[in-house]
Amino acid sequence: MTKEEFRNRVLNWAEKIGVSPKEIHIRKMKRKWGSCSSTGRVSFNEELLEKDEKFIDYIIVHELLHLKYKNHGKLFKLMWEIYLNDS
Protein backbone atom coordinates (compact mmCIF):
# COMPACT_ATOMS: atom_id res chain seq x y z
CA MET A 1 0.00 0.00 0.00
CA THR A 2 1.29 3.47 -0.82
CA LYS A 3 1.37 6.32 1.70
CA GLU A 4 -1.36 8.10 -0.23
CA GLU A 5 -3.60 5.00 -0.19
CA PHE A 6 -2.96 4.69 3.54
CA ARG A 7 -3.83 8.34 4.18
CA ASN A 8 -7.05 7.93 2.18
CA ARG A 9 -7.89 4.85 4.26
CA VAL A 10 -7.36 6.86 7.46
CA LEU A 11 -9.60 9.66 6.14
CA ASN A 12 -12.32 7.18 5.15
CA TRP A 13 -12.27 5.67 8.64
CA ALA A 14 -12.23 9.13 10.21
CA GLU A 15 -15.40 10.00 8.32
CA LYS A 16 -17.11 6.77 9.45
CA ILE A 17 -16.12 7.38 13.06
CA GLY A 18 -16.96 11.08 12.94
CA VAL A 19 -13.55 12.50 13.82
CA SER A 20 -11.20 14.91 12.08
CA PRO A 21 -7.52 14.30 12.65
CA LYS A 22 -5.58 17.57 12.42
CA GLU A 23 -2.51 15.82 11.00
CA ILE A 24 -1.73 12.33 9.72
CA HIS A 25 1.89 11.23 9.91
CA ILE A 26 3.47 8.06 8.58
CA ARG A 27 6.95 7.59 9.98
CA LYS A 28 9.44 5.17 11.47
CA MET A 29 8.44 4.09 14.93
CA LYS A 30 10.51 1.74 17.07
CA ARG A 31 7.97 0.41 19.55
CA LYS A 32 4.46 1.27 18.39
CA TRP A 33 2.16 0.77 15.44
CA GLY A 34 0.51 4.13 16.02
CA SER A 35 -0.11 7.00 18.37
CA CYS A 36 -2.56 9.84 18.90
CA SER A 37 -1.68 13.20 20.42
CA SER A 38 -3.92 15.42 22.51
CA THR A 39 -3.73 18.01 19.70
CA GLY A 40 -5.38 15.69 17.17
CA ARG A 41 -2.29 14.40 15.38
CA VAL A 42 -2.30 10.70 14.53
CA SER A 43 0.95 8.97 13.67
CA PHE A 44 1.43 5.55 12.16
CA ASN A 45 4.42 3.28 11.82
CA GLU A 46 5.50 3.12 8.17
CA GLU A 47 5.82 -0.68 8.51
CA LEU A 48 2.01 -0.80 8.48
CA LEU A 49 2.12 -0.17 4.73
CA GLU A 50 3.37 -3.75 4.33
CA LYS A 51 0.73 -5.39 6.56
CA ASP A 52 -2.62 -6.87 5.54
CA GLU A 53 -5.65 -4.59 5.39
CA LYS A 54 -7.41 -6.13 8.39
CA PHE A 55 -4.44 -5.38 10.65
CA ILE A 56 -4.10 -1.90 9.17
CA ASP A 57 -7.78 -1.18 9.92
CA TYR A 58 -7.32 -2.49 13.47
CA ILE A 59 -4.58 0.09 14.10
CA ILE A 60 -6.28 2.97 12.26
CA VAL A 61 -9.56 2.53 14.13
CA HIS A 62 -7.73 2.22 17.44
CA GLU A 63 -5.87 5.50 16.98
CA LEU A 64 -8.82 7.43 15.56
CA LEU A 65 -11.06 6.36 18.43
CA HIS A 66 -8.56 8.00 20.78
CA LEU A 67 -9.65 11.33 19.27
CA LYS A 68 -13.01 10.68 20.97
CA TYR A 69 -12.06 8.44 23.88
CA LYS A 70 -8.75 9.16 25.58
CA ASN A 71 -8.40 5.83 27.39
CA HIS A 72 -9.15 2.15 26.76
CA GLY A 73 -12.33 2.13 28.83
CA LYS A 74 -15.50 0.15 28.17
CA LEU A 75 -16.92 2.65 25.68
CA PHE A 76 -13.66 2.73 23.70
CA LYS A 77 -13.58 -1.08 23.51
CA LEU A 78 -17.26 -1.31 22.58
CA MET A 79 -16.94 1.22 19.75
CA TRP A 80 -13.74 -0.41 18.51
CA GLU A 81 -15.49 -3.78 18.28
CA ILE A 82 -18.53 -2.26 16.57
CA TYR A 83 -16.49 -0.51 13.88
CA LEU A 84 -14.25 -3.47 13.18
CA ASN A 85 -17.13 -5.95 13.04
CA ASP A 86 -19.00 -3.70 10.59
CA SER A 87 -16.06 -3.38 8.18
PDB file of N, CA and C in Angstrom:
ATOM      1  N   MET A   1       0.851  -1.169   0.000  1.00  0.00           N
ATOM      2  CA  MET A   1       0.000   0.000   0.000  1.00  0.00           C
ATOM      3  C   MET A   1       0.904   1.242   0.000  1.00  0.00           C
ATOM      4  N   THR A   2       0.518   2.224  -0.780  1.00  0.00           N
ATOM      5  CA  THR A   2       1.290   3.467  -0.824  1.00  0.00           C
ATOM      6  C   THR A   2       0.885   4.363   0.351  1.00  0.00           C
ATOM      7  N   LYS A   3       1.699   5.375   0.625  1.00  0.00           N
ATOM      8  CA  LYS A   3       1.370   6.317   1.695  1.00  0.00           C
ATOM      9  C   LYS A   3       0.074   7.056   1.401  1.00  0.00           C
ATOM     10  N   GLU A   4      -0.127   7.394   0.139  1.00  0.00           N
ATOM     11  CA  GLU A   4      -1.363   8.095  -0.233  1.00  0.00           C
ATOM     12  C   GLU A   4      -2.587   7.200  -0.026  1.00  0.00           C
ATOM     13  N   GLU A   5      -2.494   5.945  -0.420  1.00  0.00           N
ATOM     14  CA  GLU A   5      -3.598   5.001  -0.189  1.00  0.00           C
ATOM     15  C   GLU A   5      -3.873   4.858   1.305  1.00  0.00           C
ATOM     16  N   PHE A   6      -2.805   4.807   2.086  1.00  0.00           N
ATOM     17  CA  PHE A   6      -2.961   4.688   3.536  1.00  0.00           C
ATOM     18  C   PHE A   6      -3.657   5.921   4.103  1.00  0.00           C
ATOM     19  N   ARG A   7      -3.202   7.099   3.704  1.00  0.00           N
ATOM     20  CA  ARG A   7      -3.833   8.344   4.184  1.00  0.00           C
ATOM     21  C   ARG A   7      -5.319   8.381   3.818  1.00  0.00           C
ATOM     22  N   ASN A   8      -5.648   7.964   2.602  1.00  0.00           N
ATOM     23  CA  ASN A   8      -7.049   7.925   2.183  1.00  0.00           C
ATOM     24  C   ASN A   8      -7.847   6.950   3.040  1.00  0.00           C
ATOM     25  N   ARG A   9      -7.231   5.842   3.391  1.00  0.00           N
ATOM     26  CA  ARG A   9      -7.889   4.853   4.255  1.00  0.00           C
ATOM     27  C   ARG A   9      -8.154   5.468   5.638  1.00  0.00           C
ATOM     28  N   VAL A  10      -7.176   6.183   6.169  1.00  0.00           N
ATOM     29  CA  VAL A  10      -7.358   6.863   7.456  1.00  0.00           C
ATOM     30  C   VAL A  10      -8.507   7.866   7.361  1.00  0.00           C
ATOM     31  N   LEU A  11      -8.535   8.654   6.307  1.00  0.00           N
ATOM     32  CA  LEU A  11      -9.595   9.659   6.145  1.00  0.00           C
ATOM     33  C   LEU A  11     -10.970   9.014   5.984  1.00  0.00           C
ATOM     34  N   ASN A  12     -11.043   7.899   5.290  1.00  0.00           N
ATOM     35  CA  ASN A  12     -12.319   7.180   5.150  1.00  0.00           C
ATOM     36  C   ASN A  12     -12.809   6.690   6.510  1.00  0.00           C
ATOM     37  N   TRP A  13     -11.900   6.117   7.299  1.00  0.00           N
ATOM     38  CA  TRP A  13     -12.271   5.668   8.642  1.00  0.00           C
ATOM     39  C   TRP A  13     -12.654   6.859   9.514  1.00  0.00           C
ATOM     40  N   ALA A  14     -11.932   7.947   9.399  1.00  0.00           N
ATOM     41  CA  ALA A  14     -12.232   9.130  10.206  1.00  0.00           C
ATOM     42  C   ALA A  14     -13.655   9.614   9.934  1.00  0.00           C
ATOM     43  N   GLU A  15     -14.039   9.592   8.683  1.00  0.00           N
ATOM     44  CA  GLU A  15     -15.403  10.005   8.317  1.00  0.00           C
ATOM     45  C   GLU A  15     -16.432   9.067   8.937  1.00  0.00           C
ATOM     46  N   LYS A  16     -16.195   7.752   8.863  1.00  0.00           N
ATOM     47  CA  LYS A  16     -17.115   6.767   9.453  1.00  0.00           C
ATOM     48  C   LYS A  16     -17.250   6.968  10.955  1.00  0.00           C
ATOM     49  N   ILE A  17     -16.138   7.250  11.613  1.00  0.00           N
ATOM     50  CA  ILE A  17     -16.117   7.380  13.064  1.00  0.00           C
ATOM     51  C   ILE A  17     -16.614   8.757  13.509  1.00  0.00           C
ATOM     52  N   GLY A  18     -16.508   9.735  12.617  1.00  0.00           N
ATOM     53  CA  GLY A  18     -16.964  11.081  12.938  1.00  0.00           C
ATOM     54  C   GLY A  18     -15.910  11.917  13.641  1.00  0.00           C
ATOM     55  N   VAL A  19     -14.657  11.715  13.245  1.00  0.00           N
ATOM     56  CA  VAL A  19     -13.555  12.503  13.819  1.00  0.00           C
ATOM     57  C   VAL A  19     -12.784  13.177  12.691  1.00  0.00           C
ATOM     58  N   SER A  20     -12.007  14.188  13.055  1.00  0.00           N
ATOM     59  CA  SER A  20     -11.203  14.909  12.075  1.00  0.00           C
ATOM     60  C   SER A  20      -9.778  15.056  12.598  1.00  0.00           C
ATOM     61  N   PRO A  21      -8.901  14.143  12.208  1.00  0.00           N
ATOM     62  CA  PRO A  21      -7.517  14.304  12.655  1.00  0.00           C
ATOM     63  C   PRO A  21      -6.930  15.582  12.072  1.00  0.00           C
ATOM     64  N   LYS A  22      -6.194  16.320  12.889  1.00  0.00           N
ATOM     65  CA  LYS A  22      -5.582  17.569  12.422  1.00  0.00           C
ATOM     66  C   LYS A  22      -4.394  17.281  11.499  1.00  0.00           C
ATOM     67  N   GLU A  23      -3.664  16.215  11.815  1.00  0.00           N
ATOM     68  CA  GLU A  23      -2.513  15.815  11.004  1.00  0.00           C
ATOM     69  C   GLU A  23      -2.448  14.298  10.968  1.00  0.00           C
ATOM     70  N   ILE A  24      -1.959  13.771   9.852  1.00  0.00           N
ATOM     71  CA  ILE A  24      -1.725  12.333   9.716  1.00  0.00           C
ATOM     72  C   ILE A  24      -0.267  12.160   9.329  1.00  0.00           C
ATOM     73  N   HIS A  25       0.472  11.469  10.172  1.00  0.00           N
ATOM     74  CA  HIS A  25       1.893  11.230   9.907  1.00  0.00           C
ATOM     75  C   HIS A  25       2.146   9.738   9.725  1.00  0.00           C
ATOM     76  N   ILE A  26       3.001   9.425   8.779  1.00  0.00           N
ATOM     77  CA  ILE A  26       3.466   8.055   8.576  1.00  0.00           C
ATOM     78  C   ILE A  26       4.983   8.129   8.695  1.00  0.00           C
ATOM     79  N   ARG A  27       5.524   7.457   9.709  1.00  0.00           N
ATOM     80  CA  ARG A  27       6.951   7.590   9.976  1.00  0.00           C
ATOM     81  C   ARG A  27       7.498   6.328  10.630  1.00  0.00           C
ATOM     82  N   LYS A  28       8.811   6.271  10.762  1.00  0.00           N
ATOM     83  CA  LYS A  28       9.440   5.165  11.470  1.00  0.00           C
ATOM     84  C   LYS A  28       9.101   5.268  12.942  1.00  0.00           C
ATOM     85  N   MET A  29       8.705   4.156  13.503  1.00  0.00           N
ATOM     86  CA  MET A  29       8.442   4.094  14.933  1.00  0.00           C
ATOM     87  C   MET A  29       9.093   2.815  15.447  1.00  0.00           C
ATOM     88  N   LYS A  30       9.782   2.899  16.557  1.00  0.00           N
ATOM     89  CA  LYS A  30      10.513   1.737  17.068  1.00  0.00           C
ATOM     90  C   LYS A  30       9.632   0.756  17.827  1.00  0.00           C
ATOM     91  N   ARG A  31       8.695   1.273  18.626  1.00  0.00           N
ATOM     92  CA  ARG A  31       7.973   0.407  19.549  1.00  0.00           C
ATOM     93  C   ARG A  31       6.468   0.348  19.350  1.00  0.00           C
ATOM     94  N   LYS A  32       5.914   1.174  18.504  1.00  0.00           N
ATOM     95  CA  LYS A  32       4.455   1.271  18.385  1.00  0.00           C
ATOM     96  C   LYS A  32       4.010   1.149  16.933  1.00  0.00           C
ATOM     97  N   TRP A  33       2.766   0.761  16.772  1.00  0.00           N
ATOM     98  CA  TRP A  33       2.157   0.768  15.443  1.00  0.00           C
ATOM     99  C   TRP A  33       1.535   2.123  15.152  1.00  0.00           C
ATOM    100  N   GLY A  34       1.123   2.825  16.214  1.00  0.00           N
ATOM    101  CA  GLY A  34       0.512   4.127  16.015  1.00  0.00           C
ATOM    102  C   GLY A  34       0.423   4.888  17.312  1.00  0.00           C
ATOM    103  N   SER A  35       0.092   6.172  17.189  1.00  0.00           N
ATOM    104  CA  SER A  35      -0.110   7.002  18.371  1.00  0.00           C
ATOM    105  C   SER A  35      -1.056   8.146  18.017  1.00  0.00           C
ATOM    106  N   CYS A  36      -1.630   8.727  19.062  1.00  0.00           N
ATOM    107  CA  CYS A  36      -2.563   9.839  18.902  1.00  0.00           C
ATOM    108  C   CYS A  36      -2.209  10.897  19.935  1.00  0.00           C
ATOM    109  N   SER A  37      -2.019  12.128  19.491  1.00  0.00           N
ATOM    110  CA  SER A  37      -1.675  13.201  20.419  1.00  0.00           C
ATOM    111  C   SER A  37      -2.932  13.920  20.895  1.00  0.00           C
ATOM    112  N   SER A  38      -2.794  14.655  21.975  1.00  0.00           N
ATOM    113  CA  SER A  38      -3.923  15.422  22.511  1.00  0.00           C
ATOM    114  C   SER A  38      -4.306  16.583  21.593  1.00  0.00           C
ATOM    115  N   THR A  39      -3.435  16.914  20.641  1.00  0.00           N
ATOM    116  CA  THR A  39      -3.727  18.010  19.704  1.00  0.00           C
ATOM    117  C   THR A  39      -4.416  17.531  18.430  1.00  0.00           C
ATOM    118  N   GLY A  40      -4.672  16.216  18.332  1.00  0.00           N
ATOM    119  CA  GLY A  40      -5.378  15.692  17.169  1.00  0.00           C
ATOM    120  C   GLY A  40      -4.492  15.140  16.073  1.00  0.00           C
ATOM    121  N   ARG A  41      -3.213  14.980  16.363  1.00  0.00           N
ATOM    122  CA  ARG A  41      -2.293  14.402  15.378  1.00  0.00           C
ATOM    123  C   ARG A  41      -2.249  12.892  15.571  1.00  0.00           C
ATOM    124  N   VAL A  42      -2.451  12.151  14.483  1.00  0.00           N
ATOM    125  CA  VAL A  42      -2.298  10.699  14.534  1.00  0.00           C
ATOM    126  C   VAL A  42      -1.055  10.324  13.733  1.00  0.00           C
ATOM    127  N   SER A  43      -0.273   9.432  14.303  1.00  0.00           N
ATOM    128  CA  SER A  43       0.954   8.972  13.665  1.00  0.00           C
ATOM    129  C   SER A  43       0.902   7.469  13.533  1.00  0.00           C
ATOM    130  N   PHE A  44       1.439   6.982  12.425  1.00  0.00           N
ATOM    131  CA  PHE A  44       1.431   5.552  12.163  1.00  0.00           C
ATOM    132  C   PHE A  44       2.818   5.090  11.746  1.00  0.00           C
ATOM    133  N   ASN A  45       3.155   3.897  12.168  1.00  0.00           N
ATOM    134  CA  ASN A  45       4.421   3.276  11.820  1.00  0.00           C
ATOM    135  C   ASN A  45       4.412   2.950  10.322  1.00  0.00           C
ATOM    136  N   GLU A  46       5.456   3.354   9.625  1.00  0.00           N
ATOM    137  CA  GLU A  46       5.503   3.118   8.171  1.00  0.00           C
ATOM    138  C   GLU A  46       5.510   1.629   7.817  1.00  0.00           C
ATOM    139  N   GLU A  47       5.855   0.766   8.763  1.00  0.00           N
ATOM    140  CA  GLU A  47       5.817  -0.678   8.508  1.00  0.00           C
ATOM    141  C   GLU A  47       4.395  -1.182   8.287  1.00  0.00           C
ATOM    142  N   LEU A  48       3.402  -0.410   8.710  1.00  0.00           N
ATOM    143  CA  LEU A  48       2.007  -0.800   8.480  1.00  0.00           C
ATOM    144  C   LEU A  48       1.690  -0.926   6.994  1.00  0.00           C
ATOM    145  N   LEU A  49       2.391  -0.160   6.169  1.00  0.00           N
ATOM    146  CA  LEU A  49       2.123  -0.168   4.734  1.00  0.00           C
ATOM    147  C   LEU A  49       2.330  -1.561   4.129  1.00  0.00           C
ATOM    148  N   GLU A  50       3.071  -2.403   4.821  1.00  0.00           N
ATOM    149  CA  GLU A  50       3.371  -3.745   4.334  1.00  0.00           C
ATOM    150  C   GLU A  50       2.484  -4.818   4.959  1.00  0.00           C
ATOM    151  N   LYS A  51       1.589  -4.432   5.851  1.00  0.00           N
ATOM    152  CA  LYS A  51       0.729  -5.393   6.556  1.00  0.00           C
ATOM    153  C   LYS A  51      -0.577  -5.595   5.797  1.00  0.00           C
ATOM    154  N   ASP A  52      -1.334  -6.616   6.205  1.00  0.00           N
ATOM    155  CA  ASP A  52      -2.618  -6.869   5.543  1.00  0.00           C
ATOM    156  C   ASP A  52      -3.657  -5.842   5.994  1.00  0.00           C
ATOM    157  N   GLU A  53      -4.676  -5.658   5.173  1.00  0.00           N
ATOM    158  CA  GLU A  53      -5.651  -4.592   5.393  1.00  0.00           C
ATOM    159  C   GLU A  53      -6.409  -4.724   6.704  1.00  0.00           C
ATOM    160  N   LYS A  54      -6.691  -5.941   7.127  1.00  0.00           N
ATOM    161  CA  LYS A  54      -7.414  -6.133   8.386  1.00  0.00           C
ATOM    162  C   LYS A  54      -6.597  -5.595   9.567  1.00  0.00           C
ATOM    163  N   PHE A  55      -5.309  -5.882   9.579  1.00  0.00           N
ATOM    164  CA  PHE A  55      -4.439  -5.382  10.646  1.00  0.00           C
ATOM    165  C   PHE A  55      -4.316  -3.864  10.560  1.00  0.00           C
ATOM    166  N   ILE A  56      -4.189  -3.347   9.368  1.00  0.00           N
ATOM    167  CA  ILE A  56      -4.102  -1.895   9.168  1.00  0.00           C
ATOM    168  C   ILE A  56      -5.352  -1.214   9.735  1.00  0.00           C
ATOM    169  N   ASP A  57      -6.533  -1.751   9.414  1.00  0.00           N
ATOM    170  CA  ASP A  57      -7.779  -1.176   9.924  1.00  0.00           C
ATOM    171  C   ASP A  57      -7.840  -1.238  11.445  1.00  0.00           C
ATOM    172  N   TYR A  58      -7.362  -2.315  12.021  1.00  0.00           N
ATOM    173  CA  TYR A  58      -7.319  -2.493  13.470  1.00  0.00           C
ATOM    174  C   TYR A  58      -6.562  -1.333  14.117  1.00  0.00           C
ATOM    175  N   ILE A  59      -5.411  -0.989  13.550  1.00  0.00           N
ATOM    176  CA  ILE A  59      -4.577   0.087  14.103  1.00  0.00           C
ATOM    177  C   ILE A  59      -5.193   1.460  13.825  1.00  0.00           C
ATOM    178  N   ILE A  60      -5.668   1.668  12.611  1.00  0.00           N
ATOM    179  CA  ILE A  60      -6.275   2.968  12.263  1.00  0.00           C
ATOM    180  C   ILE A  60      -7.464   3.266  13.166  1.00  0.00           C
ATOM    181  N   VAL A  61      -8.371   2.311  13.301  1.00  0.00           N
ATOM    182  CA  VAL A  61      -9.562   2.532  14.127  1.00  0.00           C
ATOM    183  C   VAL A  61      -9.163   2.794  15.576  1.00  0.00           C
ATOM    184  N   HIS A  62      -8.203   2.036  16.065  1.00  0.00           N
ATOM    185  CA  HIS A  62      -7.727   2.223  17.439  1.00  0.00           C
ATOM    186  C   HIS A  62      -7.263   3.661  17.668  1.00  0.00           C
ATOM    187  N   GLU A  63      -6.408   4.153  16.798  1.00  0.00           N
ATOM    188  CA  GLU A  63      -5.869   5.501  16.982  1.00  0.00           C
ATOM    189  C   GLU A  63      -6.929   6.580  16.777  1.00  0.00           C
ATOM    190  N   LEU A  64      -7.783   6.424  15.797  1.00  0.00           N
ATOM    191  CA  LEU A  64      -8.820   7.435  15.559  1.00  0.00           C
ATOM    192  C   LEU A  64      -9.824   7.494  16.699  1.00  0.00           C
ATOM    193  N   LEU A  65     -10.130   6.354  17.297  1.00  0.00           N
ATOM    194  CA  LEU A  65     -11.057   6.365  18.427  1.00  0.00           C
ATOM    195  C   LEU A  65     -10.484   7.138  19.609  1.00  0.00           C
ATOM    196  N   HIS A  66      -9.166   7.215  19.695  1.00  0.00           N
ATOM    197  CA  HIS A  66      -8.563   8.001  20.776  1.00  0.00           C
ATOM    198  C   HIS A  66      -8.831   9.500  20.611  1.00  0.00           C
ATOM    199  N   LEU A  67      -9.244   9.932  19.442  1.00  0.00           N
ATOM    200  CA  LEU A  67      -9.645  11.332  19.271  1.00  0.00           C
ATOM    201  C   LEU A  67     -10.960  11.614  20.004  1.00  0.00           C
ATOM    202  N   LYS A  68     -11.747  10.557  20.230  1.00  0.00           N
ATOM    203  CA  LYS A  68     -13.013  10.676  20.969  1.00  0.00           C
ATOM    204  C   LYS A  68     -12.886  10.190  22.403  1.00  0.00           C
ATOM    205  N   TYR A  69     -12.176   9.093  22.575  1.00  0.00           N
ATOM    206  CA  TYR A  69     -12.057   8.436  23.882  1.00  0.00           C
ATOM    207  C   TYR A  69     -10.579   8.342  24.237  1.00  0.00           C
ATOM    208  N   LYS A  70     -10.173   9.037  25.253  1.00  0.00           N
ATOM    209  CA  LYS A  70      -8.747   9.158  25.576  1.00  0.00           C
ATOM    210  C   LYS A  70      -8.138   7.901  26.184  1.00  0.00           C
ATOM    211  N   ASN A  71      -8.952   7.032  26.772  1.00  0.00           N
ATOM    212  CA  ASN A  71      -8.402   5.825  27.387  1.00  0.00           C
ATOM    213  C   ASN A  71      -9.010   4.571  26.751  1.00  0.00           C
ATOM    214  N   HIS A  72      -8.665   3.424  27.282  1.00  0.00           N
ATOM    215  CA  HIS A  72      -9.155   2.148  26.760  1.00  0.00           C
ATOM    216  C   HIS A  72     -10.308   1.615  27.607  1.00  0.00           C
ATOM    217  N   GLY A  73     -11.189   2.506  28.000  1.00  0.00           N
ATOM    218  CA  GLY A  73     -12.333   2.127  28.827  1.00  0.00           C
ATOM    219  C   GLY A  73     -13.360   1.308  28.061  1.00  0.00           C
ATOM    220  N   LYS A  74     -14.458   1.011  28.744  1.00  0.00           N
ATOM    221  CA  LYS A  74     -15.505   0.151  28.169  1.00  0.00           C
ATOM    222  C   LYS A  74     -16.091   0.732  26.881  1.00  0.00           C
ATOM    223  N   LEU A  75     -16.329   2.030  26.870  1.00  0.00           N
ATOM    224  CA  LEU A  75     -16.921   2.651  25.680  1.00  0.00           C
ATOM    225  C   LEU A  75     -15.960   2.590  24.494  1.00  0.00           C
ATOM    226  N   PHE A  76     -14.675   2.843  24.748  1.00  0.00           N
ATOM    227  CA  PHE A  76     -13.659   2.735  23.698  1.00  0.00           C
ATOM    228  C   PHE A  76     -13.679   1.325  23.106  1.00  0.00           C
ATOM    229  N   LYS A  77     -13.620   0.314  23.962  1.00  0.00           N
ATOM    230  CA  LYS A  77     -13.582  -1.081  23.508  1.00  0.00           C
ATOM    231  C   LYS A  77     -14.843  -1.468  22.750  1.00  0.00           C
ATOM    232  N   LEU A  78     -15.989  -1.018  23.236  1.00  0.00           N
ATOM    233  CA  LEU A  78     -17.256  -1.314  22.575  1.00  0.00           C
ATOM    234  C   LEU A  78     -17.286  -0.709  21.173  1.00  0.00           C
ATOM    235  N   MET A  79     -16.913   0.562  21.059  1.00  0.00           N
ATOM    236  CA  MET A  79     -16.944   1.220  19.754  1.00  0.00           C
ATOM    237  C   MET A  79     -15.922   0.598  18.802  1.00  0.00           C
ATOM    238  N   TRP A  80     -14.773   0.234  19.318  1.00  0.00           N
ATOM    239  CA  TRP A  80     -13.745  -0.407  18.506  1.00  0.00           C
ATOM    240  C   TRP A  80     -14.266  -1.715  17.910  1.00  0.00           C
ATOM    241  N   GLU A  81     -14.919  -2.520  18.754  1.00  0.00           N
ATOM    242  CA  GLU A  81     -15.489  -3.784  18.277  1.00  0.00           C
ATOM    243  C   GLU A  81     -16.582  -3.544  17.239  1.00  0.00           C
ATOM    244  N   ILE A  82     -17.433  -2.564  17.497  1.00  0.00           N
ATOM    245  CA  ILE A  82     -18.530  -2.264  16.573  1.00  0.00           C
ATOM    246  C   ILE A  82     -17.973  -1.874  15.198  1.00  0.00           C
ATOM    247  N   TYR A  83     -17.043  -0.946  15.167  1.00  0.00           N
ATOM    248  CA  TYR A  83     -16.492  -0.507  13.880  1.00  0.00           C
ATOM    249  C   TYR A  83     -15.774  -1.630  13.148  1.00  0.00           C
ATOM    250  N   LEU A  84     -15.005  -2.415  13.850  1.00  0.00           N
ATOM    251  CA  LEU A  84     -14.246  -3.470  13.181  1.00  0.00           C
ATOM    252  C   LEU A  84     -15.129  -4.631  12.754  1.00  0.00           C
ATOM    253  N   ASN A  85     -16.219  -4.882  13.457  1.00  0.00           N
ATOM    254  CA  ASN A  85     -17.128  -5.947  13.037  1.00  0.00           C
ATOM    255  C   ASN A  85     -18.009  -5.525  11.877  1.00  0.00           C
ATOM    256  N   ASP A  86     -18.195  -4.206  11.703  1.00  0.00           N
ATOM    257  CA  ASP A  86     -19.003  -3.699  10.594  1.00  0.00           C
ATOM    258  C   ASP A  86     -18.202  -3.607   9.293  1.00  0.00           C
ATOM    259  N   SER A  87     -16.874  -3.604   9.375  1.00  0.00           N
ATOM    260  CA  SER A  87     -16.065  -3.384   8.176  1.00  0.00           C
ATOM    261  C   SER A  87     -15.943  -4.633   7.334  1.00  0.00           C
TER     262      SER A  87
END
